[in-house]
Amino acid sequence: MKKFISLLVLGTMTFTILTGCNTLLLGKSQESYDLGKVDSRFGKGNAEFALDIFKQINEENLNQSIFLSPLSISSALGMTYNGAKGETRKEMAEALNYEGMDSEALNTSYKNLLAHFENVGPKIQLDINNSIWF
């Protein structure tokens, strides 16, 4: 039960962050990122994706403590999605809840959201490192 509550809290935090974005002047680099350019479909889709992951993990690992980052997973899969075509792209869009979003809106949303998280404040450091090599 504790694990489910932890997953629910983390999912709720992710949902709140992704759906409650505004334009902000942020910390470290003092660069302005327009979080208003985070597409509302992107926020909703990522929140749904996070909850889907938590549900699946919870069903498979009932008596284990697990910590994961749905945003890191979705951003890595988002890079893959950019290169996908045809049926693969369609299925990824469905799984990631990107249906109806074009690549430009998706990439702009990730850019602004990740820039926000990387520059929340001078005493906070978040490093997200995902890459795809071919």
Protein backbone atom coordinates (compact mmCIF):
# COMPACT_ATOMS: atom_id res chain seq x y z
CA MET A 1 0.00 0.00 0.00
CA LYS A 2 2.87 2.39 0.82
CA LYS A 3 4.38 1.79 -2.60
CA PHE A 4 1.08 2.51 -4.33
CA ILE A 5 0.71 5.76 -2.37
CA SER A 6 4.29 6.75 -3.26
CA LEU A 7 3.61 6.05 -6.93
CA LEU A 8 0.35 7.98 -6.76
CA VAL A 9 2.06 10.98 -5.14
CA LEU A 10 4.88 10.95 -7.71
CA GLY A 11 2.35 10.63 -10.54
CA THR A 12 0.27 13.48 -9.14
CA MET A 13 3.38 15.67 -8.84
CA THR A 14 4.31 14.89 -12.46
CA PHE A 15 0.77 15.68 -13.61
CA THR A 16 0.70 18.95 -11.64
CA ILE A 17 4.04 20.09 -12.99
CA LEU A 18 3.20 19.19 -16.57
CA THR A 19 -0.23 20.80 -16.56
CA GLY A 20 0.49 23.89 -14.44
CA CYS A 21 3.26 25.50 -16.49
CA ASN A 22 3.60 29.27 -17.04
CA THR A 23 6.21 31.59 -18.55
CA LEU A 24 9.07 31.93 -16.05
CA LEU A 25 12.53 33.45 -15.74
CA LEU A 26 14.53 30.62 -14.29
CA GLY A 27 17.62 30.10 -12.15
CA LYS A 28 21.11 29.07 -13.21
CA SER A 29 21.50 30.51 -16.69
CA GLN A 30 18.93 33.27 -16.15
CA GLU A 31 17.64 32.34 -19.59
CA SER A 32 13.93 32.82 -20.21
CA TYR A 33 11.97 29.73 -21.22
CA ASP A 34 8.39 30.00 -22.31
CA LEU A 35 6.60 27.21 -20.49
CA GLY A 36 3.44 28.52 -22.09
CA LYS A 37 4.78 26.77 -25.20
CA VAL A 38 4.42 23.42 -23.47
CA ASP A 39 1.46 22.07 -25.43
CA SER A 40 -1.42 21.12 -23.12
CA ARG A 41 -1.77 17.82 -25.02
CA PHE A 42 1.88 17.13 -24.19
CA GLY A 43 1.31 17.71 -20.48
CA LYS A 44 -1.83 15.61 -20.41
CA GLY A 45 -0.22 12.85 -22.49
CA ASN A 46 2.88 12.69 -20.32
CA ALA A 47 0.79 12.55 -17.15
CA GLU A 48 -1.25 9.68 -18.60
CA PHE A 49 1.96 7.93 -19.71
CA ALA A 50 3.40 8.29 -16.19
CA LEU A 51 0.29 6.82 -14.61
CA ASP A 52 0.31 3.95 -17.13
CA ILE A 53 3.93 3.17 -16.20
CA PHE A 54 3.16 3.29 -12.48
CA LYS A 55 0.16 0.99 -12.89
CA GLN A 56 2.19 -1.55 -14.87
CA ILE A 57 5.15 -1.45 -12.47
CA ASN A 58 2.85 -1.75 -9.47
CA GLU A 59 1.14 -4.84 -10.92
CA GLU A 60 4.46 -6.54 -11.69
CA ASN A 61 6.33 -5.66 -8.46
CA LEU A 62 3.78 -5.77 -5.67
CA ASN A 63 6.18 -6.14 -2.74
CA GLN A 64 9.15 -4.12 -3.98
CA SER A 65 10.18 -0.48 -3.67
CA ILE A 66 10.90 1.04 -7.06
CA PHE A 67 11.88 4.57 -8.05
CA LEU A 68 11.72 5.69 -11.65
CA SER A 69 11.41 8.86 -13.68
CA PRO A 70 8.54 8.81 -16.18
CA LEU A 71 9.80 12.09 -17.67
CA SER A 72 13.22 10.59 -18.35
CA ILE A 73 11.60 7.54 -19.95
CA SER A 74 9.24 9.61 -22.08
CA SER A 75 11.99 12.00 -23.20
CA ALA A 76 14.22 9.09 -24.28
CA LEU A 77 11.29 7.51 -26.11
CA GLY A 78 10.44 10.94 -27.55
CA MET A 79 13.84 11.05 -29.24
CA THR A 80 13.16 7.62 -30.69
CA TYR A 81 9.69 8.73 -31.77
CA ASN A 82 11.23 11.56 -33.81
CA GLY A 83 12.98 8.98 -35.98
CA ALA A 84 10.12 6.50 -36.19
CA LYS A 85 8.01 6.11 -39.30
CA GLY A 86 4.85 4.32 -40.37
CA GLU A 87 3.23 1.79 -38.06
CA THR A 88 6.01 2.09 -35.46
CA ARG A 89 5.43 5.84 -35.16
CA LYS A 90 1.67 5.32 -34.92
CA GLU A 91 2.03 2.73 -32.15
CA MET A 92 4.55 4.88 -30.26
CA ALA A 93 2.20 7.88 -30.49
CA GLU A 94 -0.56 5.77 -28.97
CA ALA A 95 1.62 4.38 -26.16
CA LEU A 96 3.16 7.78 -25.34
CA ASN A 97 -0.15 9.64 -25.74
CA TYR A 98 1.26 11.88 -28.49
CA GLU A 99 -1.67 11.33 -30.87
CA GLY A 100 -2.63 14.51 -32.70
CA MET A 101 0.67 16.30 -31.93
CA ASP A 102 3.15 17.19 -34.63
CA SER A 103 6.88 16.79 -34.06
CA GLU A 104 7.49 20.53 -33.79
CA ALA A 105 4.97 20.96 -30.94
CA LEU A 106 6.34 17.88 -29.20
CA ASN A 107 9.99 18.96 -29.49
CA THR A 108 9.21 22.53 -28.39
CA SER A 109 7.32 21.19 -25.38
CA TYR A 110 10.20 18.92 -24.34
CA LYS A 111 12.77 21.69 -24.89
CA ASN A 112 10.93 24.18 -22.72
CA LEU A 113 9.93 21.73 -20.00
CA LEU A 114 13.40 20.19 -19.65
CA ALA A 115 15.00 23.66 -19.67
CA HIS A 116 12.66 24.61 -16.84
CA PHE A 117 13.57 21.55 -14.76
CA GLU A 118 17.29 22.10 -15.36
CA ASN A 119 17.03 25.73 -14.18
CA VAL A 120 14.54 25.65 -11.31
CA GLY A 121 16.77 27.53 -8.90
CA PRO A 122 20.38 28.22 -7.92
CA LYS A 123 20.40 25.57 -5.17
CA ILE A 124 18.77 22.86 -7.26
CA GLN A 125 20.60 20.73 -9.79
CA LEU A 126 18.89 18.28 -12.08
CA ASP A 127 20.84 16.56 -14.80
CA ILE A 128 18.96 14.50 -17.36
CA ASN A 129 21.16 12.73 -19.85
CA ASN A 130 19.47 10.71 -22.56
CA SER A 131 20.97 10.02 -25.94
CA ILE A 132 20.47 7.77 -28.91
CA TRP A 133 23.46 6.39 -30.79
CA PHE A 134 23.34 4.70 -34.15
